[in-house]
PDB file of N, CA and C in Angstrom:
ATOM      1  N   MET A   1      38.463  51.339 -45.669  1.00  0.00           N
ATOM      2  CA  MET A   1      37.734  49.594 -46.809  1.00  0.00           C
ATOM      3  C   MET A   1      36.093  51.045 -47.698  1.00  0.00           C
ATOM      4  N   THR A   2      36.450  51.146 -48.645  1.00  0.00           N
ATOM      5  CA  THR A   2      35.253  52.250 -49.803  1.00  0.00           C
ATOM      6  C   THR A   2      33.473  51.278 -49.443  1.00  0.00           C
ATOM      7  N   LYS A   3      32.367  51.632 -50.074  1.00  0.00           N
ATOM      8  CA  LYS A   3      31.902  51.658 -49.491  1.00  0.00           C
ATOM      9  C   LYS A   3      30.202  52.019 -51.685  1.00  0.00           C
ATOM     10  N   GLN A   4      29.532  51.069 -51.168  1.00  0.00           N
ATOM     11  CA  GLN A   4      28.319  51.509 -52.348  1.00  0.00           C
ATOM     12  C   GLN A   4      26.831  52.298 -51.989  1.00  0.00           C
ATOM     13  N   TYR A   5      27.262  53.167 -53.077  1.00  0.00           N
ATOM     14  CA  TYR A   5      25.757  53.620 -53.662  1.00  0.00           C
ATOM     15  C   TYR A   5      25.411  53.762 -54.820  1.00  0.00           C
ATOM     16  N   LYS A   6      24.023  53.430 -54.977  1.00  0.00           N
ATOM     17  CA  LYS A   6      23.823  53.596 -56.262  1.00  0.00           C
ATOM     18  C   LYS A   6      25.328  53.343 -57.864  1.00  0.00           C
ATOM     19  N   ASN A   7      26.112  52.170 -57.314  1.00  0.00           N
ATOM     20  CA  ASN A   7      27.118  52.082 -57.753  1.00  0.00           C
ATOM     21  C   ASN A   7      27.751  52.623 -57.992  1.00  0.00           C
ATOM     22  N   LEU A   8      28.435  53.507 -56.751  1.00  0.00           N
ATOM     23  CA  LEU A   8      29.076  54.430 -57.342  1.00  0.00           C
ATOM     24  C   LEU A   8      30.128  54.139 -55.904  1.00  0.00           C
ATOM     25  N   GLU A   9      31.100  54.295 -55.834  1.00  0.00           N
ATOM     26  CA  GLU A   9      31.723  53.807 -54.506  1.00  0.00           C
ATOM     27  C   GLU A   9      31.910  55.368 -54.247  1.00  0.00           C
ATOM     28  N   TYR A  10      32.070  55.369 -52.450  1.00  0.00           N
ATOM     29  CA  TYR A  10      31.860  56.979 -51.110  1.00  0.00           C
ATOM     30  C   TYR A  10      32.822  56.215 -49.986  1.00  0.00           C
ATOM     31  N   LEU A  11      33.370  57.441 -49.784  1.00  0.00           N
ATOM     32  CA  LEU A  11      34.380  56.867 -48.098  1.00  0.00           C
ATOM     33  C   LEU A  11      34.666  57.963 -47.061  1.00  0.00           C
ATOM     34  N   ALA A  12      33.850  56.873 -46.326  1.00  0.00           N
ATOM     35  CA  ALA A  12      34.406  58.949 -45.368  1.00  0.00           C
ATOM     36  C   ALA A  12      34.934  57.662 -44.098  1.00  0.00           C
ATOM     37  N   PHE A  13      36.627  58.465 -43.496  1.00  0.00           N
ATOM     38  CA  PHE A  13      37.644  58.469 -43.450  1.00  0.00           C
ATOM     39  C   PHE A  13      39.190  59.558 -42.376  1.00  0.00           C
ATOM     40  N   CYS A  14      38.553  59.312 -41.177  1.00  0.00           N
ATOM     41  CA  CYS A  14      38.484  59.660 -40.251  1.00  0.00           C
ATOM     42  C   CYS A  14      40.469  59.647 -40.209  1.00  0.00           C
ATOM     43  N   TYR A  15      40.833  60.706 -40.707  1.00  0.00           N
ATOM     44  CA  TYR A  15      42.656  61.369 -40.443  1.00  0.00           C
ATOM     45  C   TYR A  15      43.522  61.614 -38.830  1.00  0.00           C
ATOM     46  N   LYS A  16      43.888  60.757 -38.928  1.00  0.00           N
ATOM     47  CA  LYS A  16      44.276  60.740 -37.410  1.00  0.00           C
ATOM     48  C   LYS A  16      45.758  60.835 -37.062  1.00  0.00           C
ATOM     49  N   ILE A  17      46.115  62.398 -36.620  1.00  0.00           N
ATOM     50  CA  ILE A  17      48.089  62.668 -36.376  1.00  0.00           C
ATOM     51  C   ILE A  17      48.019  63.637 -34.943  1.00  0.00           C
ATOM     52  N   LYS A  18      48.847  62.821 -34.423  1.00  0.00           N
ATOM     53  CA  LYS A  18      49.102  62.906 -33.150  1.00  0.00           C
ATOM     54  C   LYS A  18      48.243  63.153 -31.959  1.00  0.00           C
ATOM     55  N   GLU A  19      47.476  64.124 -31.669  1.00  0.00           N
ATOM     56  CA  GLU A  19      46.151  64.565 -30.931  1.00  0.00           C
ATOM     57  C   GLU A  19      44.580  64.620 -32.108  1.00  0.00           C
ATOM     58  N   ARG A  20      45.360  64.694 -33.591  1.00  0.00           N
ATOM     59  CA  ARG A  20      44.068  65.715 -33.566  1.00  0.00           C
ATOM     60  C   ARG A  20      43.738  64.102 -34.335  1.00  0.00           C
ATOM     61  N   GLN A  21      41.764  64.407 -34.822  1.00  0.00           N
ATOM     62  CA  GLN A  21      41.958  64.200 -35.733  1.00  0.00           C
ATOM     63  C   GLN A  21      40.466  64.636 -36.451  1.00  0.00           C
ATOM     64  N   TRP A  22      40.489  64.122 -37.814  1.00  0.00           N
ATOM     65  CA  TRP A  22      38.749  64.873 -38.205  1.00  0.00           C
ATOM     66  C   TRP A  22      38.365  64.013 -39.262  1.00  0.00           C
ATOM     67  N   TRP A  23      37.414  63.902 -39.728  1.00  0.00           N
ATOM     68  CA  TRP A  23      37.043  63.221 -41.134  1.00  0.00           C
ATOM     69  C   TRP A  23      37.246  63.901 -42.136  1.00  0.00           C
ATOM     70  N   CYS A  24      36.740  63.325 -42.986  1.00  0.00           N
ATOM     71  CA  CYS A  24      36.691  63.092 -44.498  1.00  0.00           C
ATOM     72  C   CYS A  24      35.452  62.722 -45.551  1.00  0.00           C
ATOM     73  N   GLY A  25      35.449  62.858 -46.494  1.00  0.00           N
ATOM     74  CA  GLY A  25      34.080  62.166 -46.880  1.00  0.00           C
ATOM     75  C   GLY A  25      35.054  62.836 -48.600  1.00  0.00           C
ATOM     76  N   TYR A  26      34.797  61.545 -49.600  1.00  0.00           N
ATOM     77  CA  TYR A  26      35.328  61.021 -50.970  1.00  0.00           C
ATOM     78  C   TYR A  26      33.879  60.558 -51.644  1.00  0.00           C
ATOM     79  N   VAL A  27      34.157  60.464 -52.852  1.00  0.00           N
ATOM     80  CA  VAL A  27      32.886  59.703 -53.862  1.00  0.00           C
ATOM     81  C   VAL A  27      33.558  59.803 -55.523  1.00  0.00           C
ATOM     82  N   LYS A  28      33.963  58.520 -55.126  1.00  0.00           N
ATOM     83  CA  LYS A  28      34.356  58.467 -56.751  1.00  0.00           C
ATOM     84  C   LYS A  28      33.942  58.544 -57.872  1.00  0.00           C
ATOM     85  N   LEU A  29      33.777  59.917 -59.049  1.00  0.00           N
ATOM     86  CA  LEU A  29      32.809  59.708 -60.201  1.00  0.00           C
ATOM     87  C   LEU A  29      32.913  58.947 -61.286  1.00  0.00           C
ATOM     88  N   PRO A  30      31.790  58.953 -62.118  1.00  0.00           N
ATOM     89  CA  PRO A  30      31.102  57.982 -62.736  1.00  0.00           C
ATOM     90  C   PRO A  30      32.169  57.423 -63.718  1.00  0.00           C
ATOM     91  N   ASP A  31      32.837  57.098 -64.416  1.00  0.00           N
ATOM     92  CA  ASP A  31      33.668  56.482 -66.050  1.00  0.00           C
ATOM     93  C   ASP A  31      33.231  57.979 -66.438  1.00  0.00           C
ATOM     94  N   ASN A  32      32.080  57.758 -67.152  1.00  0.00           N
ATOM     95  CA  ASN A  32      32.186  58.645 -67.886  1.00  0.00           C
ATOM     96  C   ASN A  32      31.705  60.588 -67.307  1.00  0.00           C
ATOM     97  N   HIS A  33      31.506  60.557 -66.317  1.00  0.00           N
ATOM     98  CA  HIS A  33      31.156  61.353 -66.029  1.00  0.00           C
ATOM     99  C   HIS A  33      32.044  63.251 -66.846  1.00  0.00           C
ATOM    100  N   PRO A  34      31.083  64.318 -66.805  1.00  0.00           N
ATOM    101  CA  PRO A  34      32.291  65.426 -67.000  1.00  0.00           C
ATOM    102  C   PRO A  34      33.168  65.879 -65.790  1.00  0.00           C
ATOM    103  N   TYR A  35      32.780  65.659 -65.101  1.00  0.00           N
ATOM    104  CA  TYR A  35      33.118  66.415 -63.818  1.00  0.00           C
ATOM    105  C   TYR A  35      34.656  65.718 -63.985  1.00  0.00           C
ATOM    106  N   LYS A  36      35.650  64.541 -64.898  1.00  0.00           N
ATOM    107  CA  LYS A  36      36.503  64.250 -64.419  1.00  0.00           C
ATOM    108  C   LYS A  36      37.124  64.957 -65.809  1.00  0.00           C
ATOM    109  N   LYS A  37      37.095  65.391 -66.538  1.00  0.00           N
ATOM    110  CA  LYS A  37      37.624  66.436 -67.540  1.00  0.00           C
ATOM    111  C   LYS A  37      38.651  67.285 -67.237  1.00  0.00           C
ATOM    112  N   LEU A  38      38.210  67.874 -65.919  1.00  0.00           N
ATOM    113  CA  LEU A  38      38.029  68.585 -64.916  1.00  0.00           C
ATOM    114  C   LEU A  38      39.418  68.867 -63.875  1.00  0.00           C
ATOM    115  N   ILE A  39      39.455  67.514 -63.509  1.00  0.00           N
ATOM    116  CA  ILE A  39      40.704  67.675 -63.056  1.00  0.00           C
ATOM    117  C   ILE A  39      42.393  67.783 -63.621  1.00  0.00           C
ATOM    118  N   HIS A  40      42.938  68.641 -63.147  1.00  0.00           N
ATOM    119  CA  HIS A  40      44.703  68.319 -63.793  1.00  0.00           C
ATOM    120  C   HIS A  40      45.036  68.857 -63.172  1.00  0.00           C
ATOM    121  N   LYS A  41      46.187  69.047 -63.387  1.00  0.00           N
ATOM    122  CA  LYS A  41      47.436  69.509 -62.207  1.00  0.00           C
ATOM    123  C   LYS A  41      47.776  70.828 -62.904  1.00  0.00           C
ATOM    124  N   GLU A  42      48.460  71.306 -60.922  1.00  0.00           N
ATOM    125  CA  GLU A  42      49.186  72.978 -61.203  1.00  0.00           C
ATOM    126  C   GLU A  42      50.048  72.489 -60.136  1.00  0.00           C
ATOM    127  N   SER A  43      50.576  73.870 -60.381  1.00  0.00           N
ATOM    128  CA  SER A  43      52.232  73.659 -59.294  1.00  0.00           C
ATOM    129  C   SER A  43      51.553  74.659 -58.222  1.00  0.00           C
ATOM    130  N   LEU A  44      51.365  74.410 -58.114  1.00  0.00           N
ATOM    131  CA  LEU A  44      51.804  75.827 -56.332  1.00  0.00           C
ATOM    132  C   LEU A  44      53.262  76.089 -55.253  1.00  0.00           C
ATOM    133  N   TYR A  45      53.468  76.992 -54.881  1.00  0.00           N
ATOM    134  CA  TYR A  45      54.602  77.433 -54.776  1.00  0.00           C
ATOM    135  C   TYR A  45      56.322  76.060 -54.670  1.00  0.00           C
ATOM    136  N   GLY A  46      55.771  75.337 -56.006  1.00  0.00           N
ATOM    137  CA  GLY A  46      57.163  74.423 -56.841  1.00  0.00           C
ATOM    138  C   GLY A  46      56.376  73.146 -56.322  1.00  0.00           C
ATOM    139  N   ILE A  47      54.512  72.976 -56.008  1.00  0.00           N
ATOM    140  CA  ILE A  47      54.827  71.845 -55.697  1.00  0.00           C
ATOM    141  C   ILE A  47      53.657  71.235 -56.702  1.00  0.00           C
ATOM    142  N   GLU A  48      53.333  70.015 -57.159  1.00  0.00           N
ATOM    143  CA  GLU A  48      52.736  69.987 -58.399  1.00  0.00           C
ATOM    144  C   GLU A  48      51.484  68.622 -57.437  1.00  0.00           C
ATOM    145  N   LEU A  49      50.381  69.580 -57.818  1.00  0.00           N
ATOM    146  CA  LEU A  49      48.850  69.287 -56.989  1.00  0.00           C
ATOM    147  C   LEU A  49      47.967  69.063 -58.049  1.00  0.00           C
ATOM    148  N   GLU A  50      46.902  68.327 -58.424  1.00  0.00           N
ATOM    149  CA  GLU A  50      45.689  67.697 -58.629  1.00  0.00           C
ATOM    150  C   GLU A  50      44.771  68.888 -57.950  1.00  0.00           C
ATOM    151  N   VAL A  51      43.834  69.304 -59.294  1.00  0.00           N
ATOM    152  CA  VAL A  51      43.515  70.520 -58.649  1.00  0.00           C
ATOM    153  C   VAL A  51      41.614  70.433 -59.896  1.00  0.00           C
ATOM    154  N   GLY A  52      40.460  71.559 -59.390  1.00  0.00           N
ATOM    155  CA  GLY A  52      39.443  71.014 -61.024  1.00  0.00           C
ATOM    156  C   GLY A  52      38.503  70.791 -60.152  1.00  0.00           C
ATOM    157  N   TYR A  53      38.574  70.593 -58.719  1.00  0.00           N
ATOM    158  CA  TYR A  53      37.403  70.686 -57.547  1.00  0.00           C
ATOM    159  C   TYR A  53      36.406  72.253 -57.459  1.00  0.00           C
ATOM    160  N   ASP A  54      37.231  73.506 -57.233  1.00  0.00           N
ATOM    161  CA  ASP A  54      36.017  74.667 -57.502  1.00  0.00           C
ATOM    162  C   ASP A  54      35.503  74.585 -58.618  1.00  0.00           C
ATOM    163  N   ASP A  55      35.930  73.845 -59.783  1.00  0.00           N
ATOM    164  CA  ASP A  55      34.679  74.232 -61.051  1.00  0.00           C
ATOM    165  C   ASP A  55      33.934  73.221 -60.947  1.00  0.00           C
ATOM    166  N   MET A  56      33.931  72.598 -60.333  1.00  0.00           N
ATOM    167  CA  MET A  56      32.333  72.041 -59.842  1.00  0.00           C
ATOM    168  C   MET A  56      31.404  72.043 -58.563  1.00  0.00           C
ATOM    169  N   ASP A  57      29.854  72.029 -59.313  1.00  0.00           N
ATOM    170  CA  ASP A  57      29.513  72.060 -58.549  1.00  0.00           C
ATOM    171  C   ASP A  57      28.645  71.392 -58.022  1.00  0.00           C
ATOM    172  N   ILE A  58      29.066  71.031 -56.572  1.00  0.00           N
ATOM    173  CA  ILE A  58      28.760  70.422 -55.787  1.00  0.00           C
ATOM    174  C   ILE A  58      28.591  70.774 -53.723  1.00  0.00           C
ATOM    175  N   GLU A  59      27.272  70.452 -54.133  1.00  0.00           N
ATOM    176  CA  GLU A  59      26.757  71.418 -52.114  1.00  0.00           C
ATOM    177  C   GLU A  59      27.897  70.182 -51.466  1.00  0.00           C
ATOM    178  N   CYS A  60      28.076  70.417 -50.669  1.00  0.00           N
ATOM    179  CA  CYS A  60      29.021  69.689 -49.622  1.00  0.00           C
ATOM    180  C   CYS A  60      29.704  70.254 -47.774  1.00  0.00           C
ATOM    181  N   HIS A  61      29.633  69.707 -46.872  1.00  0.00           N
ATOM    182  CA  HIS A  61      30.295  70.385 -46.126  1.00  0.00           C
ATOM    183  C   HIS A  61      31.515  71.494 -46.137  1.00  0.00           C
ATOM    184  N   GLY A  62      31.255  72.540 -46.159  1.00  0.00           N
ATOM    185  CA  GLY A  62      32.603  73.405 -46.110  1.00  0.00           C
ATOM    186  C   GLY A  62      33.310  73.545 -48.305  1.00  0.00           C
ATOM    187  N   GLY A  63      32.519  72.588 -48.744  1.00  0.00           N
ATOM    188  CA  GLY A  63      32.948  72.210 -50.216  1.00  0.00           C
ATOM    189  C   GLY A  63      33.980  71.450 -50.437  1.00  0.00           C
ATOM    190  N   LEU A  64      34.328  71.396 -52.079  1.00  0.00           N
ATOM    191  CA  LEU A  64      35.171  70.743 -52.231  1.00  0.00           C
ATOM    192  C   LEU A  64      36.658  71.000 -51.963  1.00  0.00           C
ATOM    193  N   THR A  65      37.216  70.035 -52.028  1.00  0.00           N
ATOM    194  CA  THR A  65      38.409  70.314 -51.130  1.00  0.00           C
ATOM    195  C   THR A  65      39.347  69.681 -52.044  1.00  0.00           C
ATOM    196  N   PHE A  66      39.506  68.078 -52.692  1.00  0.00           N
ATOM    197  CA  PHE A  66      40.120  67.568 -53.158  1.00  0.00           C
ATOM    198  C   PHE A  66      39.604  67.299 -54.132  1.00  0.00           C
ATOM    199  N   SER A  67      40.538  66.639 -55.328  1.00  0.00           N
ATOM    200  CA  SER A  67      40.384  66.343 -56.148  1.00  0.00           C
ATOM    201  C   SER A  67      41.485  65.278 -56.797  1.00  0.00           C
ATOM    202  N   GLN A  68      42.177  64.015 -57.743  1.00  0.00           N
ATOM    203  CA  GLN A  68      42.679  63.336 -58.092  1.00  0.00           C
ATOM    204  C   GLN A  68      42.204  62.341 -58.838  1.00  0.00           C
ATOM    205  N   GLU A  69      43.238  61.633 -59.565  1.00  0.00           N
ATOM    206  CA  GLU A  69      42.919  60.544 -61.066  1.00  0.00           C
ATOM    207  C   GLU A  69      43.756  60.215 -59.611  1.00  0.00           C
ATOM    208  N   VAL A  70      43.512  58.751 -59.335  1.00  0.00           N
ATOM    209  CA  VAL A  70      44.228  57.727 -58.927  1.00  0.00           C
ATOM    210  C   VAL A  70      44.098  56.343 -59.675  1.00  0.00           C
ATOM    211  N   ASN A  71      45.397  56.185 -60.050  1.00  0.00           N
ATOM    212  CA  ASN A  71      46.233  55.669 -60.648  1.00  0.00           C
ATOM    213  C   ASN A  71      46.913  53.869 -60.150  1.00  0.00           C
ATOM    214  N   GLU A  72      46.843  53.838 -59.237  1.00  0.00           N
ATOM    215  CA  GLU A  72      47.154  52.786 -58.272  1.00  0.00           C
ATOM    216  C   GLU A  72      46.859  52.334 -57.127  1.00  0.00           C
ATOM    217  N   ILE A  73      46.106  52.088 -55.899  1.00  0.00           N
ATOM    218  CA  ILE A  73      46.196  51.304 -54.770  1.00  0.00           C
ATOM    219  C   ILE A  73      46.837  51.700 -54.101  1.00  0.00           C
ATOM    220  N   ASN A  74      45.987  52.900 -52.829  1.00  0.00           N
ATOM    221  CA  ASN A  74      47.652  53.202 -52.056  1.00  0.00           C
ATOM    222  C   ASN A  74      47.431  52.062 -50.266  1.00  0.00           C
ATOM    223  N   LYS A  75      49.202  52.154 -50.446  1.00  0.00           N
ATOM    224  CA  LYS A  75      48.901  51.015 -49.489  1.00  0.00           C
ATOM    225  C   LYS A  75      49.170  51.382 -48.300  1.00  0.00           C
ATOM    226  N   ASP A  76      49.537  52.477 -47.906  1.00  0.00           N
ATOM    227  CA  ASP A  76      49.327  53.305 -46.622  1.00  0.00           C
ATOM    228  C   ASP A  76      48.363  53.554 -46.487  1.00  0.00           C
ATOM    229  N   ASN A  77      48.320  52.197 -44.486  1.00  0.00           N
ATOM    230  CA  ASN A  77      47.352  53.026 -43.865  1.00  0.00           C
ATOM    231  C   ASN A  77      46.747  54.658 -42.799  1.00  0.00           C
ATOM    232  N   ARG A  78      47.935  54.904 -42.775  1.00  0.00           N
ATOM    233  CA  ARG A  78      47.185  56.630 -42.895  1.00  0.00           C
ATOM    234  C   ARG A  78      46.007  57.642 -43.379  1.00  0.00           C
ATOM    235  N   ASN A  79      46.208  56.666 -44.560  1.00  0.00           N
ATOM    236  CA  ASN A  79      45.347  57.578 -45.925  1.00  0.00           C
ATOM    237  C   ASN A  79      44.468  56.735 -46.433  1.00  0.00           C
ATOM    238  N   PRO A  80      43.686  56.905 -47.069  1.00  0.00           N
ATOM    239  CA  PRO A  80      42.375  56.585 -47.907  1.00  0.00           C
ATOM    240  C   PRO A  80      42.700  55.225 -48.585  1.00  0.00           C
ATOM    241  N   SER A  81      42.132  54.209 -48.772  1.00  0.00           N
ATOM    242  CA  SER A  81      42.437  53.291 -49.355  1.00  0.00           C
ATOM    243  C   SER A  81      41.780  53.420 -50.977  1.00  0.00           C
ATOM    244  N   PHE A  82      42.019  54.212 -51.749  1.00  0.00           N
ATOM    245  CA  PHE A  82      40.867  54.606 -52.923  1.00  0.00           C
ATOM    246  C   PHE A  82      42.114  53.854 -54.308  1.00  0.00           C
ATOM    247  N   THR A  83      40.451  52.943 -54.315  1.00  0.00           N
ATOM    248  CA  THR A  83      40.366  52.810 -55.626  1.00  0.00           C
ATOM    249  C   THR A  83      41.240  53.568 -57.054  1.00  0.00           C
ATOM    250  N   LYS A  84      41.714  52.316 -58.364  1.00  0.00           N
ATOM    251  CA  LYS A  84      41.466  53.432 -59.465  1.00  0.00           C
ATOM    252  C   LYS A  84      40.951  53.958 -60.216  1.00  0.00           C
ATOM    253  N   GLY A  85      40.292  55.607 -60.269  1.00  0.00           N
ATOM    254  CA  GLY A  85      40.256  56.492 -61.196  1.00  0.00           C
ATOM    255  C   GLY A  85      40.162  57.454 -60.028  1.00  0.00           C
ATOM    256  N   SER A  86      38.728  58.672 -60.747  1.00  0.00           N
ATOM    257  CA  SER A  86      39.085  59.937 -60.075  1.00  0.00           C
ATOM    258  C   SER A  86      37.857  60.541 -58.527  1.00  0.00           C
ATOM    259  N   TRP A  87      38.926  60.980 -58.272  1.00  0.00           N
ATOM    260  CA  TRP A  87      38.111  61.386 -56.835  1.00  0.00           C
ATOM    261  C   TRP A  87      37.736  62.541 -56.398  1.00  0.00           C
ATOM    262  N   ILE A  88      36.629  62.997 -55.827  1.00  0.00           N
ATOM    263  CA  ILE A  88      36.820  63.877 -55.043  1.00  0.00           C
ATOM    264  C   ILE A  88      36.643  64.225 -53.771  1.00  0.00           C
ATOM    265  N   GLY A  89      37.025  65.425 -52.321  1.00  0.00           N
ATOM    266  CA  GLY A  89      35.975  65.474 -51.370  1.00  0.00           C
ATOM    267  C   GLY A  89      36.007  66.021 -50.877  1.00  0.00           C
ATOM    268  N   TRP A  90      35.913  66.520 -49.410  1.00  0.00           N
ATOM    269  CA  TRP A  90      35.395  67.350 -48.414  1.00  0.00           C
ATOM    270  C   TRP A  90      35.969  67.572 -47.099  1.00  0.00           C
ATOM    271  N   ASP A  91      36.420  67.469 -46.405  1.00  0.00           N
ATOM    272  CA  ASP A  91      36.810  67.636 -45.036  1.00  0.00           C
ATOM    273  C   ASP A  91      35.612  68.558 -44.088  1.00  0.00           C
ATOM    274  N   TYR A  92      35.789  67.887 -42.579  1.00  0.00           N
ATOM    275  CA  TYR A  92      35.082  68.429 -41.858  1.00  0.00           C
ATOM    276  C   TYR A  92      36.128  68.290 -40.381  1.00  0.00           C
ATOM    277  N   ASN A  93      36.656  69.343 -40.713  1.00  0.00           N
ATOM    278  CA  ASN A  93      37.847  69.903 -39.408  1.00  0.00           C
ATOM    279  C   ASN A  93      38.066  71.694 -40.613  1.00  0.00           C
ATOM    280  N   HIS A  94      36.987  72.640 -40.056  1.00  0.00           N
ATOM    281  CA  HIS A  94      37.407  73.794 -41.129  1.00  0.00           C
ATOM    282  C   HIS A  94      36.841  74.414 -39.720  1.00  0.00           C
ATOM    283  N   TYR A  95      36.781  76.075 -39.880  1.00  0.00           N
ATOM    284  CA  TYR A  95      36.803  76.405 -38.232  1.00  0.00           C
ATOM    285  C   TYR A  95      35.398  76.220 -37.628  1.00  0.00           C
ATOM    286  N   GLY A  96      35.291  76.027 -36.419  1.00  0.00           N
ATOM    287  CA  GLY A  96      34.972  75.418 -35.359  1.00  0.00           C
ATOM    288  C   GLY A  96      33.651  73.894 -35.214  1.00  0.00           C
ATOM    289  N   ASP A  97      34.768  73.445 -36.478  1.00  0.00           N
ATOM    290  CA  ASP A  97      34.383  71.938 -36.440  1.00  0.00           C
ATOM    291  C   ASP A  97      35.430  70.282 -35.390  1.00  0.00           C
ATOM    292  N   THR A  98      34.914  69.571 -34.847  1.00  0.00           N
ATOM    293  CA  THR A  98      35.489  68.761 -34.181  1.00  0.00           C
ATOM    294  C   THR A  98      35.827  67.289 -34.124  1.00  0.00           C
ATOM    295  N   TYR A  99      35.847  67.197 -34.076  1.00  0.00           N
ATOM    296  CA  TYR A  99      35.979  65.487 -34.455  1.00  0.00           C
ATOM    297  C   TYR A  99      34.713  64.679 -33.877  1.00  0.00           C
ATOM    298  N   GLU A 100      34.444  64.912 -32.877  1.00  0.00           N
ATOM    299  CA  GLU A 100      32.557  64.578 -31.878  1.00  0.00           C
ATOM    300  C   GLU A 100      32.100  65.471 -32.354  1.00  0.00           C
ATOM    301  N   ASN A 101      32.066  66.281 -33.408  1.00  0.00           N
ATOM    302  CA  ASN A 101      30.175  67.254 -33.768  1.00  0.00           C
ATOM    303  C   ASN A 101      29.664  65.968 -34.548  1.00  0.00           C
ATOM    304  N   TRP A 102      30.960  64.984 -35.295  1.00  0.00           N
ATOM    305  CA  TRP A 102      30.129  64.080 -36.365  1.00  0.00           C
ATOM    306  C   TRP A 102      30.832  63.026 -36.750  1.00  0.00           C
ATOM    307  N   THR A 103      29.710  61.910 -37.018  1.00  0.00           N
ATOM    308  CA  THR A 103      29.330  60.040 -36.756  1.00  0.00           C
ATOM    309  C   THR A 103      30.015  60.201 -38.352  1.00  0.00           C
ATOM    310  N   LYS A 104      30.592  58.382 -37.713  1.00  0.00           N
ATOM    311  CA  LYS A 104      30.413  58.204 -39.459  1.00  0.00           C
ATOM    312  C   LYS A 104      29.568  58.145 -40.268  1.00  0.00           C
ATOM    313  N   GLU A 105      28.079  57.708 -39.337  1.00  0.00           N
ATOM    314  CA  GLU A 105      27.103  57.561 -40.368  1.00  0.00           C
ATOM    315  C   GLU A 105      26.592  58.697 -41.374  1.00  0.00           C
ATOM    316  N   GLN A 106      26.741  60.377 -40.868  1.00  0.00           N
ATOM    317  CA  GLN A 106      26.630  61.201 -41.267  1.00  0.00           C
ATOM    318  C   GLN A 106      27.548  62.241 -42.611  1.00  0.00           C
ATOM    319  N   ILE A 107      28.795  61.418 -42.146  1.00  0.00           N
ATOM    320  CA  ILE A 107      29.478  61.684 -43.171  1.00  0.00           C
ATOM    321  C   ILE A 107      29.014  60.525 -44.290  1.00  0.00           C
ATOM    322  N   GLU A 108      28.259  59.744 -44.131  1.00  0.00           N
ATOM    323  CA  GLU A 108      28.229  58.798 -45.548  1.00  0.00           C
ATOM    324  C   GLU A 108      26.963  59.032 -45.946  1.00  0.00           C
ATOM    325  N   GLU A 109      26.065  59.624 -45.037  1.00  0.00           N
ATOM    326  CA  GLU A 109      24.919  60.193 -45.724  1.00  0.00           C
ATOM    327  C   GLU A 109      25.893  61.572 -46.284  1.00  0.00           C
ATOM    328  N   GLU A 110      26.605  62.197 -46.415  1.00  0.00           N
ATOM    329  CA  GLU A 110      26.335  63.520 -47.256  1.00  0.00           C
ATOM    330  C   GLU A 110      27.267  62.487 -48.313  1.00  0.00           C
ATOM    331  N   CYS A 111      28.323  61.510 -48.688  1.00  0.00           N
ATOM    332  CA  CYS A 111      28.330  61.334 -49.393  1.00  0.00           C
ATOM    333  C   CYS A 111      27.336  60.671 -50.192  1.00  0.00           C
ATOM    334  N   LYS A 112      26.227  60.074 -49.732  1.00  0.00           N
ATOM    335  CA  LYS A 112      24.904  59.603 -50.988  1.00  0.00           C
ATOM    336  C   LYS A 112      24.687  60.333 -51.349  1.00  0.00           C
ATOM    337  N   ASN A 113      24.613  62.044 -51.138  1.00  0.00           N
ATOM    338  CA  ASN A 113      23.965  62.940 -51.965  1.00  0.00           C
ATOM    339  C   ASN A 113      24.889  63.437 -52.660  1.00  0.00           C
ATOM    340  N   VAL A 114      25.610  63.668 -52.608  1.00  0.00           N
ATOM    341  CA  VAL A 114      27.082  64.041 -52.840  1.00  0.00           C
ATOM    342  C   VAL A 114      26.959  63.890 -54.571  1.00  0.00           C
ATOM    343  N   ILE A 115      26.539  62.055 -54.306  1.00  0.00           N
ATOM    344  CA  ILE A 115      26.721  60.978 -55.481  1.00  0.00           C
ATOM    345  C   ILE A 115      25.279  60.952 -55.865  1.00  0.00           C
ATOM    346  N   ASP A 116      23.907  61.241 -55.621  1.00  0.00           N
ATOM    347  CA  ASP A 116      22.792  62.061 -55.988  1.00  0.00           C
ATOM    348  C   ASP A 116      23.268  63.638 -56.872  1.00  0.00           C
ATOM    349  N   GLN A 117      24.031  64.580 -56.726  1.00  0.00           N
ATOM    350  CA  GLN A 117      24.182  65.613 -57.729  1.00  0.00           C
ATOM    351  C   GLN A 117      25.161  64.912 -58.064  1.00  0.00           C
ATOM    352  N   LEU A 118      26.127  64.068 -58.210  1.00  0.00           N
ATOM    353  CA  LEU A 118      27.030  63.263 -59.388  1.00  0.00           C
ATOM    354  C   LEU A 118      25.870  63.251 -60.462  1.00  0.00           C
ATOM    355  N   ILE A 119      24.898  62.189 -59.697  1.00  0.00           N
ATOM    356  CA  ILE A 119      23.857  61.192 -60.522  1.00  0.00           C
ATOM    357  C   ILE A 119      22.844  63.081 -62.122  1.00  0.00           C
ATOM    358  N   LYS A 120      22.854  63.764 -61.141  1.00  0.00           N
ATOM    359  CA  LYS A 120      22.481  64.760 -61.630  1.00  0.00           C
ATOM    360  C   LYS A 120      22.754  65.554 -62.958  1.00  0.00           C
ATOM    361  N   ILE A 121      24.096  65.629 -62.177  1.00  0.00           N
ATOM    362  CA  ILE A 121      24.546  66.240 -63.033  1.00  0.00           C
ATOM    363  C   ILE A 121      25.167  65.937 -64.812  1.00  0.00           C
ATOM    364  N   LYS A 122      25.304  64.007 -64.095  1.00  0.00           N
ATOM    365  CA  LYS A 122      25.131  63.426 -65.896  1.00  0.00           C
ATOM    366  C   LYS A 122      24.285  62.963 -67.107  1.00  0.00           C
ATOM    367  N   LYS A 123      23.212  63.260 -66.266  1.00  0.00           N
ATOM    368  CA  LYS A 123      21.935  63.226 -67.563  1.00  0.00           C
ATOM    369  C   LYS A 123      21.873  64.727 -67.913  1.00  0.00           C
TER     370      LYS A 123
END
């Protein structure tokens, strides 16, 4: 379930696959934000992916690793429940990271930090 900070949605989500689990942070871009234009599709090894996060100047743990335009709400409990709109994200699954190193509260604080950065860029 998403939360709000300064009228923008964010989500701290824990992926659990078999014995592994790790956190990800996600933030929904404001409707008229210039970074929305950067999200686009590219084909990589025959798989179509949404990219654009590499061109966004956002500081977060390990850098952005996700950008996607969400057109319908995901009903799959194994994945984040994004609302419609443009989302960016990052993960806590880098070398040396473990699930136990992070708390949901820490991920949420980083989401708020990213929102603060997005608001500054918008102006």
